[in-house]
Protein backbone atom coordinates (compact mmCIF):
# COMPACT_ATOMS: atom_id res chain seq x y z
CA MET A 1 -13.63 -10.96 15.38
CA ARG A 2 -10.11 -10.82 15.49
CA SER A 3 -9.20 -11.71 12.92
CA MET A 4 -12.00 -9.91 10.97
CA ALA A 5 -10.51 -6.68 12.47
CA ALA A 6 -6.37 -7.59 11.69
CA MET A 7 -7.82 -7.97 7.88
CA LEU A 8 -9.43 -4.56 8.24
CA LEU A 9 -6.25 -3.03 10.33
CA LEU A 10 -3.87 -5.18 7.42
CA ALA A 11 -5.94 -3.35 4.30
CA VAL A 12 -5.87 0.24 6.00
CA MET A 13 -2.19 -0.10 6.45
CA TRP A 14 -1.22 -1.73 2.75
CA GLY A 15 -4.06 0.83 1.14
CA LEU A 16 -2.18 3.74 2.28
CA SER A 17 1.48 2.75 0.76
CA ILE A 18 0.55 4.30 -2.36
CA PRO A 19 -0.83 7.81 -1.00
CA ALA A 20 2.29 7.95 1.87
CA THR A 21 4.66 7.24 -0.78
CA LYS A 22 3.33 9.81 -2.66
CA LEU A 23 3.38 12.18 0.12
CA GLY A 24 7.48 11.31 0.78
CA LEU A 25 8.06 11.92 -2.55
CA GLN A 26 7.26 15.72 -2.06
CA SER A 27 10.87 16.39 -0.90
CA LEU A 28 12.98 13.01 -1.49
CA PRO A 29 13.45 11.84 -4.65
CA PRO A 30 12.60 8.21 -5.72
CA LEU A 31 15.81 5.98 -5.06
CA THR A 32 16.43 8.12 -2.17
CA LEU A 33 13.09 7.64 -0.38
CA THR A 34 13.20 3.60 -1.26
CA ALA A 35 16.55 3.54 0.34
CA LEU A 36 15.43 4.47 3.35
CA ARG A 37 12.35 2.85 3.48
CA PHE A 38 13.97 -0.57 3.14
CA ALA A 39 17.24 0.94 5.68
CA ILE A 40 14.88 1.45 8.19
CA ALA A 41 12.99 -1.64 7.51
CA ILE A 42 15.55 -4.53 7.41
CA PRO A 43 16.79 -4.06 10.79
CA LEU A 44 12.74 -4.71 12.34
CA LEU A 45 13.10 -8.47 9.96
CA LEU A 46 16.01 -9.28 11.70
CA PRO A 47 13.42 -11.50 13.92
CA PHE A 48 12.17 -12.69 10.96
CA VAL A 49 15.99 -14.90 10.38
CA VAL A 50 17.97 -15.33 14.12
CA GLY A 51 17.30 -18.66 15.16
CA ARG A 52 15.23 -19.92 11.92
CA HIS A 53 16.68 -22.41 9.17
CA ARG A 54 19.83 -20.78 7.60
CA LEU A 55 20.12 -20.83 3.79
CA PRO A 56 22.22 -22.87 1.96
CA TRP A 57 24.94 -21.22 0.32
CA ARG A 58 23.84 -22.79 -3.18
CA GLU A 59 20.60 -20.59 -2.77
CA LEU A 60 21.76 -16.74 -2.14
CA PRO A 61 22.53 -16.27 -5.67
CA ARG A 62 18.61 -17.22 -6.43
CA VAL A 63 17.68 -15.39 -3.60
CA ALA A 64 20.06 -11.93 -4.20
CA ALA A 65 18.08 -12.23 -7.69
CA LEU A 66 14.40 -12.49 -6.26
CA GLY A 67 15.91 -8.57 -3.86
CA LEU A 68 16.91 -7.35 -7.36
CA LEU A 69 13.72 -8.15 -9.05
CA GLY A 70 11.48 -7.16 -6.13
CA VAL A 71 13.35 -3.84 -4.31
CA GLY A 72 15.62 -3.18 -7.07
CA ILE A 73 12.99 -3.32 -9.55
CA GLY A 74 9.32 -3.62 -8.25
CA GLN A 75 9.73 -0.71 -5.42
CA VAL A 76 11.95 1.34 -7.26
CA ALA A 77 9.46 1.39 -10.61
CA GLN A 78 7.02 1.60 -7.87
CA ALA A 79 8.69 4.84 -6.49
CA TYR A 80 8.89 6.41 -10.17
CA GLY A 81 5.35 5.41 -11.15
CA VAL A 82 3.91 7.55 -7.76
CA ALA A 83 5.59 10.39 -8.99
CA GLY A 84 4.94 10.68 -12.38
CA THR A 85 1.11 9.86 -11.79
CA SER A 86 -1.77 10.67 -9.03
CA ALA A 87 -1.82 8.31 -6.29
CA SER A 88 -5.40 7.78 -7.20
CA VAL A 89 -4.20 5.99 -10.45
CA GLY A 90 -1.00 4.74 -8.91
CA THR A 91 -3.27 2.67 -6.62
CA ILE A 92 -5.32 1.01 -8.94
CA ILE A 93 -2.85 -0.11 -11.15
CA SER A 94 -1.06 -1.37 -8.10
CA ALA A 95 -4.23 -3.41 -6.77
CA THR A 96 -3.19 -5.62 -10.56
CA ILE A 97 -0.27 -7.81 -9.33
CA PRO A 98 -2.62 -10.47 -7.85
CA VAL A 99 -3.94 -10.70 -11.65
CA PHE A 100 -0.37 -10.87 -13.12
CA VAL A 101 0.98 -13.86 -10.78
CA VAL A 102 -1.85 -15.84 -12.36
CA VAL A 103 -0.23 -15.52 -15.29
CA PHE A 104 2.97 -16.10 -14.09
CA ALA A 105 1.92 -18.70 -11.99
CA ALA A 106 0.22 -20.56 -15.15
CA ILE A 107 4.13 -19.90 -16.90
CA ARG A 108 5.92 -20.83 -14.16
CA LEU A 109 3.86 -23.34 -11.72
CA LYS A 110 1.96 -24.88 -14.76
CA GLN A 111 -1.28 -23.63 -13.22
CA ALA A 112 -4.13 -24.16 -15.34
CA VAL A 113 -6.20 -20.43 -16.31
CA SER A 114 -9.91 -20.97 -16.28
CA GLY A 115 -11.88 -19.12 -18.80
CA TRP A 116 -13.03 -17.20 -15.54
CA GLN A 117 -9.77 -16.03 -15.47
CA LYS A 118 -9.21 -14.65 -18.74
CA VAL A 119 -12.04 -12.89 -18.67
CA GLY A 120 -10.63 -11.23 -15.70
CA LEU A 121 -7.53 -10.71 -17.07
CA LEU A 122 -9.16 -8.78 -19.70
CA ALA A 123 -11.34 -6.35 -17.82
CA ALA A 124 -8.22 -5.42 -15.32
CA PHE A 125 -6.48 -4.64 -18.59
CA VAL A 126 -9.01 -2.46 -20.07
CA GLY A 127 -9.76 -1.20 -16.06
CA ILE A 128 -6.33 0.14 -16.22
CA ALA A 129 -6.54 2.17 -19.46
CA LEU A 130 -9.23 3.67 -18.23
CA VAL A 131 -8.17 4.51 -14.87
CA ALA A 132 -5.25 6.05 -16.54
CA LEU A 133 -7.17 8.25 -19.37
CA ASP A 134 -9.64 9.84 -16.94
CA GLY A 135 -9.64 13.33 -16.82
CA GLN A 136 -6.12 13.65 -19.04
CA THR A 137 -5.13 16.64 -21.36
CA ALA A 138 -3.11 15.76 -23.97
CA ALA A 139 0.15 17.30 -22.19
CA ALA A 140 -1.36 15.33 -18.08
CA PHE A 141 -2.22 12.25 -20.20
CA GLN A 142 1.58 11.91 -21.41
CA SER A 143 3.03 12.76 -18.08
CA SER A 144 0.31 10.14 -16.48
CA LEU A 145 1.17 7.86 -18.74
CA ILE A 146 4.86 6.96 -17.99
CA GLY A 147 3.73 7.05 -14.94
CA ALA A 148 1.10 4.42 -15.34
CA THR A 149 3.97 2.41 -17.57
CA TRP A 150 6.12 2.37 -14.48
CA MET A 151 3.55 1.31 -12.30
CA LEU A 152 2.31 -1.72 -14.76
CA LEU A 153 6.17 -2.50 -14.52
CA SER A 154 6.73 -2.72 -10.51
CA ALA A 155 3.28 -4.69 -10.77
CA LEU A 156 4.60 -7.06 -13.14
CA ALA A 157 8.19 -6.97 -11.08
CA ILE A 158 6.49 -8.02 -7.78
CA ALA A 159 4.16 -10.57 -9.66
CA PHE A 160 7.17 -12.04 -10.91
CA TYR A 161 9.43 -11.96 -7.44
CA TYR A 162 6.12 -13.85 -5.86
CA VAL A 163 5.79 -16.76 -7.97
CA TRP A 164 9.89 -16.92 -8.72
CA SER A 165 9.67 -17.69 -4.90
CA VAL A 166 7.45 -19.78 -4.46
CA GLU A 167 9.55 -23.23 -4.34
CA LEU A 168 11.89 -21.15 -1.70
CA THR A 169 9.28 -19.75 0.46
CA ARG A 170 7.93 -23.20 0.75
CA LYS A 171 11.75 -24.88 1.41
CA TYR A 172 12.48 -22.00 4.04
CA GLY A 173 9.37 -19.90 4.91
CA THR A 174 7.55 -16.46 4.16
CA GLY A 175 9.95 -14.24 6.50
CA PRO A 176 13.25 -15.64 6.26
CA LEU A 177 12.99 -15.47 2.21
CA ALA A 178 11.45 -11.69 2.53
CA ALA A 179 14.49 -10.65 5.10
CA TRP A 180 17.04 -11.88 3.02
CA SER A 181 15.64 -10.79 -0.24
CA THR A 182 14.97 -7.24 1.24
CA PHE A 183 18.54 -7.34 2.15
CA PHE A 184 19.95 -8.07 -1.00
CA GLY A 185 17.77 -6.30 -3.28
CA PHE A 186 18.99 -2.78 -0.76
CA ILE A 187 22.26 -3.43 -0.73
CA ALA A 188 22.18 -3.33 -5.09
CA LEU A 189 20.09 0.01 -4.54
CA LEU A 190 22.75 1.40 -2.30
CA PRO A 191 25.03 2.78 -5.11
CA PHE A 192 21.71 4.35 -6.85
CA ALA A 193 20.33 5.71 -3.86
CA GLY A 194 24.30 7.26 -3.58
CA TRP A 195 24.47 9.02 -7.51
CA GLU A 196 20.92 10.52 -6.62
CA MET A 197 21.42 12.03 -3.48
CA ARG A 198 24.80 13.85 -5.06
CA HIS A 199 22.79 15.39 -7.78
CA VAL A 200 19.61 15.50 -7.73
CA PRO A 201 18.28 18.57 -5.31
CA PHE A 202 16.09 17.05 -2.02
CA GLN A 203 15.31 18.22 1.22
CA ILE A 204 14.90 16.02 4.53
CA THR A 205 11.41 16.88 5.78
CA ALA A 206 9.29 15.96 8.64
CA MET A 207 6.91 14.56 6.18
CA GLY A 208 9.84 12.96 4.05
CA ILE A 209 10.85 10.92 6.72
CA ALA A 210 7.76 9.98 8.49
CA ALA A 211 6.44 8.60 4.84
CA ALA A 212 9.48 6.68 5.32
CA VAL A 213 9.09 5.08 8.48
CA TYR A 214 5.17 4.00 7.51
CA LEU A 215 6.78 2.16 4.49
CA GLY A 216 9.37 0.51 6.20
CA VAL A 217 7.97 0.33 9.55
CA VAL A 218 4.36 -0.07 9.52
CA VAL A 219 4.17 -1.43 5.62
CA THR A 220 7.20 -3.57 5.28
CA VAL A 221 8.18 -5.20 8.58
CA ALA A 222 4.00 -5.07 10.63
CA GLY A 223 2.54 -5.90 7.35
CA LEU A 224 4.58 -8.92 7.11
CA PHE A 225 3.89 -10.13 10.56
CA LEU A 226 0.08 -9.11 10.53
CA TRP A 227 0.00 -11.11 7.27
CA LEU A 228 1.66 -13.99 8.46
CA ASN A 229 -0.19 -14.35 11.34
CA LEU A 230 -3.22 -14.66 9.58
CA LEU A 231 -2.31 -17.17 6.98
CA ARG A 232 -1.99 -19.21 10.65
CA THR A 233 -5.70 -18.47 11.77
CA VAL A 234 -7.69 -17.77 8.82
CA PRO A 235 -7.87 -19.61 5.61
CA ALA A 236 -5.61 -18.32 2.49
CA SER A 237 -8.82 -17.92 0.30
CA MET A 238 -10.44 -15.62 3.25
CA ALA A 239 -7.43 -13.31 4.18
CA ALA A 240 -6.69 -13.06 0.34
CA SER A 241 -9.93 -10.82 0.89
CA VAL A 242 -7.39 -8.10 1.96
CA GLN A 243 -6.12 -7.05 -1.45
CA TYR A 244 -9.73 -6.24 -2.45
CA LEU A 245 -10.20 -3.58 0.27
CA GLN A 246 -6.93 -1.94 -0.79
CA PRO A 247 -7.11 -0.58 -3.40
CA VAL A 248 -10.42 1.02 -1.96
CA ILE A 249 -9.25 2.77 1.03
CA GLY A 250 -6.13 3.67 -1.21
CA VAL A 251 -8.13 5.58 -3.63
CA ILE A 252 -10.14 7.02 -0.80
CA ALA A 253 -7.46 8.42 1.28
CA SER A 254 -5.44 9.52 -2.44
CA ALA A 255 -9.33 11.82 -2.93
CA ALA A 256 -8.91 13.32 1.05
CA ILE A 257 -5.32 14.09 0.52
CA PHE A 258 -4.47 14.95 -3.04
CA GLY A 259 -7.52 16.14 -3.84
CA ASP A 260 -7.42 13.30 -6.92
CA ARG A 261 -10.55 14.02 -9.41
CA LEU A 262 -12.58 10.83 -9.49
CA GLY A 263 -14.24 10.82 -13.14
CA VAL A 264 -16.83 8.80 -14.53
CA LEU A 265 -13.90 6.35 -16.55
CA PHE A 266 -11.66 6.47 -13.18
CA ALA A 267 -15.00 5.05 -11.58
CA ALA A 268 -15.69 2.37 -14.07
CA GLY A 269 -11.91 1.60 -14.39
CA VAL A 270 -11.91 0.51 -10.77
CA VAL A 271 -15.08 -1.31 -11.03
CA LEU A 272 -13.60 -3.00 -14.24
CA VAL A 273 -9.84 -3.70 -12.27
CA LEU A 274 -11.56 -4.91 -9.07
CA CYS A 275 -14.17 -7.31 -11.06
CA GLY A 276 -10.53 -9.00 -13.05
CA LEU A 277 -9.51 -8.92 -9.28
CA ALA A 278 -11.87 -11.19 -7.97
CA LEU A 279 -12.48 -13.34 -10.94
CA THR A 280 -8.33 -14.01 -11.00
CA ILE A 281 -7.87 -14.64 -7.43
CA THR A 282 -11.27 -16.57 -5.86
CA SER A 283 -10.12 -19.66 -7.86
CA ARG A 284 -7.20 -19.70 -5.79
CA SER A 285 -7.15 -20.66 -2.73
CA ASN A 286 -2.81 -19.81 -1.93
CA ALA A 287 -3.25 -16.48 -3.00
CA PRO A 288 0.23 -14.17 -1.96
CA ALA A 289 -0.08 -11.05 0.16
CA LYS A 290 0.39 -7.84 -2.30
CA SER A 291 3.26 -6.06 0.40
CA SER A 292 3.53 -2.93 -1.42
C-alpha cells in the first residue's frame, strides 16, 4: 500500500510539472525559469554525489554532453514549448518521451521493436497531431504548432538522454549521473540565461519563484529520490505505470488552472497517446523514468 501511495504521489508531482512551468512563465522568461529551477535543484542533488563512487575524469566529457542534451536542449525546449502552447497540449506531447525511448533503444541498444510497439508509435504520433489541431483557429494553430514543435524537440532530446545514459547509469548509478549531468547542463545554460535576463523584460513574482521551487525541489530532486526508492521496492514494470497517470493528472490540472478547452479531437488524441504509451512500454521491464 505504501508503494502504491508513493506511485500515486510521484504521478501527481511529475504530472503537475507542465502546469507549474506554465505558471512560472507568466512572469519569468523560459531560460531564466529553467536556470533558476536547476540553481535550486543542484545543491539538493549533492547527497547523490557525496560519498558515492566518483566519476573518472575520462567520463566527464560524456556526462557533460548528456547534461547539455538533457538540460540545455531538453528542458529549455520544454520551457519554450509550454510558453508557445497550452499546458494541456504540452502535457500530452511530453507524455510521449517513453515512446521515443523505444525508438532510440532500438537504434542505440539494438533492442528489437515488436509489431505492437510499432502500432503504439504510430498511435502516439497521430495522437500528437490531433491534440495540436484541436479547436485552433489559423492564427492560433500557427502559434500552437511552434509550441508543439518545441515540445516534440524536448521529448526527443530527453528520450535521447535516457537511452544514451544507460551505460553510465549501470556503472555509476542513476543518482550520481543525474546530479553531474544536471550540473554540467546548468553551467552551459548560464550564459544564455544571463543574456536573456539582460535583454528580455521580466518580473520577479511570488508565483514565478514558487514555480521554480516546485520544479527544482519537488519535480527534479524529490521526484528522483521517490523514483529510486520505488525501483528498490517494486518491480520496474509496475513503477513505470506512473507514466500512464502523469498526463491524465497534468491535463486535469491544466483544465482546472488555465481553463483549457478540451474538445473532441483533443480527447481522441489523448486516448491515442495513452494507448501508444501502453503498447510501447508494456513489453519493456525496465522503462526509464520520465522526469520533467
